C-alpha atoms as a PDB file:
ATOM      1  CA  MET A   1     -35.111  -6.493  10.931  1.00  0.00           C
ATOM      2  CA  LYS A   2     -33.718  -5.023   7.721  1.00  0.00           C
ATOM      3  CA  LYS A   3     -35.391  -2.276   6.283  1.00  0.00           C
ATOM      4  CA  TYR A   4     -36.710  -2.277   2.711  1.00  0.00           C
ATOM      5  CA  ASN A   5     -37.615   1.461   1.044  1.00  0.00           C
ATOM      6  CA  ILE A   6     -41.016   0.859  -0.454  1.00  0.00           C
ATOM      7  CA  LYS A   7     -41.182   4.191  -1.613  1.00  0.00           C
ATOM      8  CA  LYS A   8     -39.431   4.196  -4.736  1.00  0.00           C
ATOM      9  CA  SER A   9     -41.438   1.389  -6.360  1.00  0.00           C
ATOM     10  CA  THR A  10     -44.823   4.467  -6.252  1.00  0.00           C
ATOM     11  CA  GLU A  11     -41.993   6.853  -7.692  1.00  0.00           C
ATOM     12  CA  GLU A  12     -41.473   4.894 -10.372  1.00  0.00           C
ATOM     13  CA  ASN A  13     -45.404   3.131 -11.021  1.00  0.00           C
ATOM     14  CA  PRO A  14     -47.464   6.974 -10.149  1.00  0.00           C
ATOM     15  CA  ASP A  15     -50.411   4.053 -11.463  1.00  0.00           C
ATOM     16  CA  ARG A  16     -50.463   1.407  -8.799  1.00  0.00           C
ATOM     17  CA  LEU A  17     -53.584   1.236  -6.666  1.00  0.00           C
ATOM     18  CA  TYR A  18     -52.420   2.375  -3.368  1.00  0.00           C
ATOM     19  CA  LYS A  19     -49.253   4.993  -2.015  1.00  0.00           C
ATOM     20  CA  PRO A  20     -47.771   3.527   1.199  1.00  0.00           C
ATOM     21  CA  ALA A  21     -47.420   6.128   4.059  1.00  0.00           C
ATOM     22  CA  LYS A  22     -43.839   7.250   4.257  1.00  0.00           C
ATOM     23  CA  SER A  23     -43.446   6.049   7.572  1.00  0.00           C
ATOM     24  CA  ILE A  24     -44.470   2.370   5.968  1.00  0.00           C
ATOM     25  CA  GLN A  25     -41.388   0.026   5.096  1.00  0.00           C
ATOM     26  CA  GLY A  26     -40.718  -3.734   5.224  1.00  0.00           C
ATOM     27  CA  ARG A  27     -41.254  -6.229   2.786  1.00  0.00           C
ATOM     28  CA  GLU A  28     -44.457  -7.156   4.219  1.00  0.00           C
ATOM     29  CA  PHE A  29     -46.311  -4.336   3.206  1.00  0.00           C
ATOM     30  CA  GLY A  30     -44.714  -3.888  -0.017  1.00  0.00           C
ATOM     31  CA  LEU A  31     -45.232  -8.024  -0.905  1.00  0.00           C
ATOM     32  CA  LEU A  32     -48.688  -6.870  -0.435  1.00  0.00           C
ATOM     33  CA  GLU A  33     -48.885  -4.000  -2.093  1.00  0.00           C
ATOM     34  CA  GLN A  34     -47.631  -5.739  -4.913  1.00  0.00           C
ATOM     35  CA  CYS A  35     -49.827  -9.255  -4.873  1.00  0.00           C
ATOM     36  CA  VAL A  36     -52.947  -6.439  -4.524  1.00  0.00           C
ATOM     37  CA  ASN A  37     -51.279  -4.444  -7.986  1.00  0.00           C
ATOM     38  CA  THR A  38     -51.055  -7.562  -9.477  1.00  0.00           C
ATOM     39  CA  THR A  39     -54.163  -9.077  -9.048  1.00  0.00           C
ATOM     40  CA  ALA A  40     -55.995  -5.704 -10.279  1.00  0.00           C
ATOM     41  CA  ASP A  41     -53.974  -5.361 -13.166  1.00  0.00           C
ATOM     42  CA  ASN A  42     -54.315  -8.622 -14.672  1.00  0.00           C
ATOM     43  CA  ARG A  43     -57.923  -8.952 -13.577  1.00  0.00           C
ATOM     44  CA  GLU A  44     -60.880  -6.581 -14.741  1.00  0.00           C
ATOM     45  CA  ILE A  45     -62.281  -5.963 -11.986  1.00  0.00           C
ATOM     46  CA  SER A  46     -64.950  -3.372 -10.655  1.00  0.00           C
ATOM     47  CA  GLU A  47     -64.502  -0.340  -9.302  1.00  0.00           C
ATOM     48  CA  ASP A  48     -66.031  -1.385  -6.227  1.00  0.00           C
ATOM     49  CA  ASP A  49     -63.478  -4.354  -6.123  1.00  0.00           C
ATOM     50  CA  ARG A  50     -60.999  -2.202  -6.174  1.00  0.00           C
ATOM     51  CA  GLU A  51     -62.093   0.083  -3.682  1.00  0.00           C
ATOM     52  CA  SER A  52     -62.309  -3.056  -1.133  1.00  0.00           C
ATOM     53  CA  LEU A  53     -58.601  -4.065  -2.165  1.00  0.00           C
ATOM     54  CA  THR A  54     -57.844  -0.655  -1.515  1.00  0.00           C
ATOM     55  CA  PHE A  55     -59.683  -0.340   2.314  1.00  0.00           C
ATOM     56  CA  PHE A  56     -58.555  -4.276   2.784  1.00  0.00           C
ATOM     57  CA  LEU A  57     -54.709  -2.598   2.151  1.00  0.00           C
ATOM     58  CA  GLU A  58     -55.803   0.715   4.398  1.00  0.00           C
ATOM     59  CA  LEU A  59     -56.106  -1.798   7.444  1.00  0.00           C
ATOM     60  CA  VAL A  60     -53.176  -4.095   6.876  1.00  0.00           C
ATOM     61  CA  LYS A  61     -51.236  -1.058   6.505  1.00  0.00           C
ATOM     62  CA  GLU A  62     -52.929   0.162  10.077  1.00  0.00           C
ATOM     63  CA  ALA A  63     -52.119  -3.574  11.688  1.00  0.00           C
ATOM     64  CA  LEU A  64     -48.588  -2.933  10.267  1.00  0.00           C
ATOM     65  CA  ILE A  65     -48.246   0.574  12.222  1.00  0.00           C
ATOM     66  CA  ALA A  66     -49.330  -0.985  15.191  1.00  0.00           C
ATOM     67  CA  ARG A  67     -46.886  -3.812  15.419  1.00  0.00           C
ATOM     68  CA  ARG A  68     -44.346  -1.737  14.797  1.00  0.00           C
ATOM     69  CA  LYS A  69     -44.796   0.311  17.868  1.00  0.00           C
ATOM     70  CA  ILE A  70     -45.520  -3.364  20.017  1.00  0.00           C
ATOM     71  CA  ASP A  71     -41.830  -3.899  18.569  1.00  0.00           C
ATOM     72  CA  GLN A  72     -40.388  -0.824  19.430  1.00  0.00           C
END
């Protein structure tokens, strides 16, 4: 599976809602992060909703870590 480095996108835009861990690289996480940030940026959402989105993204990150460990 081809790996994508998504760290660069957070360095270019330090105001992103969430910065992924350095160990997470992949198209799936990058696309999900982009969707969450686009949703947060394009809508006026409350701080609670931003926290919920961030929490959800953290859960997905943990699931991706677990899946990658199983795949290895």
